[in-house]
Amino acid sequence: MNDFLESGDLRVLHPVFKIYGRSPAFFGQIVTIKVFEENLLVKELMKAGGDGRVLVIDGGGSMRRAMVGGQLLQLAENMGWSGILVNGCVRDTNEINLCEIGIRALGSIPRRPSKKLSGETHLPVHIGGTIIRDGEWLYADNDGILISKTELSITPS
């Protein structure tokens, strides 16, 4: 594994993300989105369907408004997303923790996001000390989060 880490093919995110949802372990190919304190574009992307992918939301690390709440996470689960990584906050944690989907976020806050349709999708984002690119792979479990340039072989532990 050290060879992959040294080459940059495998990267470890800083351990700053809290675990939410009923699936502490999840993985999938990454879809990136960059927004700030609003989530209409996030909702539109979620509606398109996940097909087992992981949505990586770069909310700029804002701790002032939630990017995802219980209803939006339920939509993500229903649309087949494997998990969500939020560089920002979530809300409705009691609802979120009932969902069978994995989510990581910096924290929770009760304040709703604004409702503007702005942001960008499918671009590189800088989160947790590394660049994350659309199409890479995210692997999360209780020990942390890995980003890989390619799909890894998963063996049951």
C-alpha atoms as a PDB file:
ATOM      1  CA  MET A   1       0.000   0.000   0.000  1.00  0.00           C
ATOM      2  CA  ASN A   2       2.881   2.386   0.736  1.00  0.00           C
ATOM      3  CA  ASP A   3       3.991   2.206  -2.919  1.00  0.00           C
ATOM      4  CA  PHE A   4       0.513   3.336  -4.011  1.00  0.00           C
ATOM      5  CA  LEU A   5       0.502   6.126  -1.426  1.00  0.00           C
ATOM      6  CA  GLU A   6       3.941   7.350  -2.471  1.00  0.00           C
ATOM      7  CA  SER A   7       2.991   7.372  -6.159  1.00  0.00           C
ATOM      8  CA  GLY A   8      -0.239   9.289  -5.487  1.00  0.00           C
ATOM      9  CA  ASP A   9      -2.401   6.522  -6.947  1.00  0.00           C
ATOM     10  CA  LEU A  10      -3.939   6.124  -3.482  1.00  0.00           C
ATOM     11  CA  ARG A  11      -4.552   9.047  -1.126  1.00  0.00           C
ATOM     12  CA  VAL A  12      -5.778   9.257   2.467  1.00  0.00           C
ATOM     13  CA  LEU A  13      -8.086  12.108   3.475  1.00  0.00           C
ATOM     14  CA  HIS A  14      -7.387  13.967   6.701  1.00  0.00           C
ATOM     15  CA  PRO A  15      -9.374  12.416   9.591  1.00  0.00           C
ATOM     16  CA  VAL A  16     -11.774  15.362  10.010  1.00  0.00           C
ATOM     17  CA  PHE A  17     -15.023  13.804   8.783  1.00  0.00           C
ATOM     18  CA  LYS A  18     -17.779  12.528  11.063  1.00  0.00           C
ATOM     19  CA  ILE A  19     -19.710   9.365  10.243  1.00  0.00           C
ATOM     20  CA  TYR A  20     -23.475   9.575   9.661  1.00  0.00           C
ATOM     21  CA  GLY A  21     -26.019   7.118   8.279  1.00  0.00           C
ATOM     22  CA  ARG A  22     -26.344   3.383   8.805  1.00  0.00           C
ATOM     23  CA  SER A  23     -23.542   2.421   6.429  1.00  0.00           C
ATOM     24  CA  PRO A  24     -20.207   3.380   7.965  1.00  0.00           C
ATOM     25  CA  ALA A  25     -18.469   1.581   5.091  1.00  0.00           C
ATOM     26  CA  PHE A  26     -19.191   2.454   1.472  1.00  0.00           C
ATOM     27  CA  PHE A  27     -17.359   2.812  -1.819  1.00  0.00           C
ATOM     28  CA  GLY A  28     -17.931   3.775  -5.408  1.00  0.00           C
ATOM     29  CA  GLN A  29     -16.832   5.827  -8.332  1.00  0.00           C
ATOM     30  CA  ILE A  30     -16.795   9.550  -7.576  1.00  0.00           C
ATOM     31  CA  VAL A  31     -19.027  12.285  -8.958  1.00  0.00           C
ATOM     32  CA  THR A  32     -17.850  15.750  -7.891  1.00  0.00           C
ATOM     33  CA  ILE A  33     -19.816  18.931  -7.328  1.00  0.00           C
ATOM     34  CA  LYS A  34     -18.721  22.322  -6.024  1.00  0.00           C
ATOM     35  CA  VAL A  35     -21.317  24.594  -4.389  1.00  0.00           C
ATOM     36  CA  PHE A  36     -21.332  27.081  -1.527  1.00  0.00           C
ATOM     37  CA  GLU A  37     -24.090  27.177   1.113  1.00  0.00           C
ATOM     38  CA  GLU A  38     -26.789  26.129  -1.364  1.00  0.00           C
ATOM     39  CA  ASN A  39     -27.983  22.763  -2.617  1.00  0.00           C
ATOM     40  CA  LEU A  40     -30.392  22.965  -5.583  1.00  0.00           C
ATOM     41  CA  LEU A  41     -27.688  21.723  -7.958  1.00  0.00           C
ATOM     42  CA  VAL A  42     -26.906  18.914  -5.489  1.00  0.00           C
ATOM     43  CA  LYS A  43     -30.569  17.845  -5.593  1.00  0.00           C
ATOM     44  CA  GLU A  44     -30.624  17.924  -9.404  1.00  0.00           C
ATOM     45  CA  LEU A  45     -27.496  15.767  -9.580  1.00  0.00           C
ATOM     46  CA  MET A  46     -28.920  13.290  -7.059  1.00  0.00           C
ATOM     47  CA  LYS A  47     -32.126  12.950  -9.089  1.00  0.00           C
ATOM     48  CA  ALA A  48     -30.080  11.805 -12.089  1.00  0.00           C
ATOM     49  CA  GLY A  49     -29.287   8.547 -10.253  1.00  0.00           C
ATOM     50  CA  GLY A  50     -26.256   7.207  -8.506  1.00  0.00           C
ATOM     51  CA  ASP A  51     -25.761   3.694  -9.900  1.00  0.00           C
ATOM     52  CA  GLY A  52     -23.612   2.848  -6.844  1.00  0.00           C
ATOM     53  CA  ARG A  53     -21.453   5.951  -7.166  1.00  0.00           C
ATOM     54  CA  VAL A  54     -20.322   8.317  -4.378  1.00  0.00           C
ATOM     55  CA  LEU A  55     -21.239  11.991  -4.489  1.00  0.00           C
ATOM     56  CA  VAL A  56     -18.420  14.257  -3.322  1.00  0.00           C
ATOM     57  CA  ILE A  57     -19.773  17.697  -2.417  1.00  0.00           C
ATOM     58  CA  ASP A  58     -17.246  20.478  -1.993  1.00  0.00           C
ATOM     59  CA  GLY A  59     -19.141  23.002   0.097  1.00  0.00           C
ATOM     60  CA  GLY A  60     -15.997  25.018   0.704  1.00  0.00           C
ATOM     61  CA  GLY A  61     -15.780  23.674   4.260  1.00  0.00           C
ATOM     62  CA  SER A  62     -18.564  26.031   5.340  1.00  0.00           C
ATOM     63  CA  MET A  63     -19.833  25.453   8.854  1.00  0.00           C
ATOM     64  CA  ARG A  64     -22.639  28.050   8.496  1.00  0.00           C
ATOM     65  CA  ARG A  65     -25.281  26.110   6.515  1.00  0.00           C
ATOM     66  CA  ALA A  66     -26.074  22.457   5.936  1.00  0.00           C
ATOM     67  CA  MET A  67     -25.541  21.081   2.436  1.00  0.00           C
ATOM     68  CA  VAL A  68     -27.586  17.893   2.935  1.00  0.00           C
ATOM     69  CA  GLY A  69     -30.561  17.102   5.155  1.00  0.00           C
ATOM     70  CA  GLY A  70     -32.721  14.079   5.817  1.00  0.00           C
ATOM     71  CA  GLN A  71     -34.977  14.456   2.766  1.00  0.00           C
ATOM     72  CA  LEU A  72     -32.079  14.909   0.382  1.00  0.00           C
ATOM     73  CA  LEU A  73     -30.248  11.910   1.817  1.00  0.00           C
ATOM     74  CA  GLN A  74     -33.400   9.800   1.443  1.00  0.00           C
ATOM     75  CA  LEU A  75     -33.531  10.902  -2.211  1.00  0.00           C
ATOM     76  CA  ALA A  76     -29.889   9.854  -2.647  1.00  0.00           C
ATOM     77  CA  GLU A  77     -30.620   6.453  -1.117  1.00  0.00           C
ATOM     78  CA  ASN A  78     -33.686   5.964  -3.333  1.00  0.00           C
ATOM     79  CA  MET A  79     -31.725   6.967  -6.435  1.00  0.00           C
ATOM     80  CA  GLY A  80     -28.968   4.411  -5.829  1.00  0.00           C
ATOM     81  CA  TRP A  81     -26.080   6.487  -4.496  1.00  0.00           C
ATOM     82  CA  SER A  82     -23.612   4.437  -2.424  1.00  0.00           C
ATOM     83  CA  GLY A  83     -22.546   7.328  -0.216  1.00  0.00           C
ATOM     84  CA  ILE A  84     -21.876  11.029   0.104  1.00  0.00           C
ATOM     85  CA  LEU A  85     -18.842  12.981   1.269  1.00  0.00           C
ATOM     86  CA  VAL A  86     -19.605  16.576   2.283  1.00  0.00           C
ATOM     87  CA  ASN A  87     -16.892  19.161   2.745  1.00  0.00           C
ATOM     88  CA  GLY A  88     -19.333  21.067   4.933  1.00  0.00           C
ATOM     89  CA  CYS A  89     -22.256  20.314   7.231  1.00  0.00           C
ATOM     90  CA  VAL A  90     -25.412  18.223   7.287  1.00  0.00           C
ATOM     91  CA  ARG A  91     -28.668  18.658   9.206  1.00  0.00           C
ATOM     92  CA  ASP A  92     -31.538  16.399  10.323  1.00  0.00           C
ATOM     93  CA  THR A  93     -29.062  13.908  11.757  1.00  0.00           C
ATOM     94  CA  ASN A  94     -31.788  11.791  13.387  1.00  0.00           C
ATOM     95  CA  GLU A  95     -33.334  11.230   9.929  1.00  0.00           C
ATOM     96  CA  ILE A  96     -29.938  10.787   8.287  1.00  0.00           C
ATOM     97  CA  ASN A  97     -28.921   8.137  10.806  1.00  0.00           C
ATOM     98  CA  LEU A  98     -31.964   6.041   9.803  1.00  0.00           C
ATOM     99  CA  CYS A  99     -30.902   5.916   6.137  1.00  0.00           C
ATOM    100  CA  GLU A 100     -29.121   2.882   4.703  1.00  0.00           C
ATOM    101  CA  ILE A 101     -26.480   4.996   3.009  1.00  0.00           C
ATOM    102  CA  GLY A 102     -23.104   6.243   4.128  1.00  0.00           C
ATOM    103  CA  ILE A 103     -22.407   9.911   4.625  1.00  0.00           C
ATOM    104  CA  ARG A 104     -19.382  11.799   5.910  1.00  0.00           C
ATOM    105  CA  ALA A 105     -19.411  15.469   6.797  1.00  0.00           C
ATOM    106  CA  LEU A 106     -17.432  17.958   8.858  1.00  0.00           C
ATOM    107  CA  GLY A 107     -20.329  18.352  11.312  1.00  0.00           C
ATOM    108  CA  SER A 108     -23.990  19.208  11.676  1.00  0.00           C
ATOM    109  CA  ILE A 109     -25.875  22.485  11.935  1.00  0.00           C
ATOM    110  CA  PRO A 110     -29.621  23.186  11.922  1.00  0.00           C
ATOM    111  CA  ARG A 111     -29.485  26.036   9.397  1.00  0.00           C
ATOM    112  CA  ARG A 112     -30.873  25.257   5.937  1.00  0.00           C
ATOM    113  CA  PRO A 113     -28.930  25.971   2.756  1.00  0.00           C
ATOM    114  CA  SER A 114     -29.972  28.784   0.460  1.00  0.00           C
ATOM    115  CA  LYS A 115     -31.884  27.823  -2.677  1.00  0.00           C
ATOM    116  CA  LYS A 116     -29.902  29.002  -5.676  1.00  0.00           C
ATOM    117  CA  LEU A 117     -29.084  26.934  -8.712  1.00  0.00           C
ATOM    118  CA  SER A 118     -25.366  27.662  -8.813  1.00  0.00           C
ATOM    119  CA  GLY A 119     -22.201  25.632  -8.727  1.00  0.00           C
ATOM    120  CA  GLU A 120     -20.160  23.356 -10.941  1.00  0.00           C
ATOM    121  CA  THR A 121     -20.100  19.608 -11.496  1.00  0.00           C
ATOM    122  CA  HIS A 122     -17.522  17.049 -12.649  1.00  0.00           C
ATOM    123  CA  LEU A 123     -14.429  19.105 -11.798  1.00  0.00           C
ATOM    124  CA  PRO A 124     -11.446  18.478  -9.494  1.00  0.00           C
ATOM    125  CA  VAL A 125     -12.053  19.589  -5.891  1.00  0.00           C
ATOM    126  CA  HIS A 126      -9.633  20.027  -2.984  1.00  0.00           C
ATOM    127  CA  ILE A 127     -10.949  18.260   0.136  1.00  0.00           C
ATOM    128  CA  GLY A 128      -9.295  16.705   3.171  1.00  0.00           C
ATOM    129  CA  GLY A 129      -5.785  17.576   2.088  1.00  0.00           C
ATOM    130  CA  THR A 130      -5.970  16.146  -1.433  1.00  0.00           C
ATOM    131  CA  ILE A 131      -7.336  16.778  -4.902  1.00  0.00           C
ATOM    132  CA  ILE A 132     -10.323  14.555  -5.719  1.00  0.00           C
ATOM    133  CA  ARG A 133     -11.210  14.070  -9.378  1.00  0.00           C
ATOM    134  CA  ASP A 134     -14.479  13.077 -10.961  1.00  0.00           C
ATOM    135  CA  GLY A 135     -14.274   9.402 -11.959  1.00  0.00           C
ATOM    136  CA  GLU A 136     -11.809   8.352  -9.251  1.00  0.00           C
ATOM    137  CA  TRP A 137     -12.868   5.914  -6.518  1.00  0.00           C
ATOM    138  CA  LEU A 138     -13.699   6.596  -2.859  1.00  0.00           C
ATOM    139  CA  TYR A 139     -13.474   3.934  -0.139  1.00  0.00           C
ATOM    140  CA  ALA A 140     -14.739   4.789   3.357  1.00  0.00           C
ATOM    141  CA  ASP A 141     -14.944   2.750   6.546  1.00  0.00           C
ATOM    142  CA  ASN A 142     -14.604   3.330  10.288  1.00  0.00           C
ATOM    143  CA  ASP A 143     -10.852   3.901   9.905  1.00  0.00           C
ATOM    144  CA  GLY A 144     -11.062   6.689   7.335  1.00  0.00           C
ATOM    145  CA  ILE A 145     -11.400   7.578   3.682  1.00  0.00           C
ATOM    146  CA  LEU A 146      -9.191   6.577   0.752  1.00  0.00           C
ATOM    147  CA  ILE A 147      -9.224   8.019  -2.753  1.00  0.00           C
ATOM    148  CA  SER A 148      -7.904   5.826  -5.559  1.00  0.00           C
ATOM    149  CA  LYS A 149      -7.223   6.601  -9.204  1.00  0.00           C
ATOM    150  CA  THR A 150      -8.563   3.153 -10.104  1.00  0.00           C
ATOM    151  CA  GLU A 151     -11.035   0.648  -8.723  1.00  0.00           C
ATOM    152  CA  LEU A 152      -9.545  -1.515  -5.978  1.00  0.00           C
ATOM    153  CA  SER A 153     -10.218  -5.200  -5.337  1.00  0.00           C
ATOM    154  CA  ILE A 154     -12.306  -5.499  -2.198  1.00  0.00           C
ATOM    155  CA  THR A 155     -11.933  -8.661  -0.142  1.00  0.00           C
ATOM    156  CA  PRO A 156     -14.189  -9.416   2.814  1.00  0.00           C
ATOM    157  CA  SER A 157     -12.421  -9.010   6.159  1.00  0.00           C
END
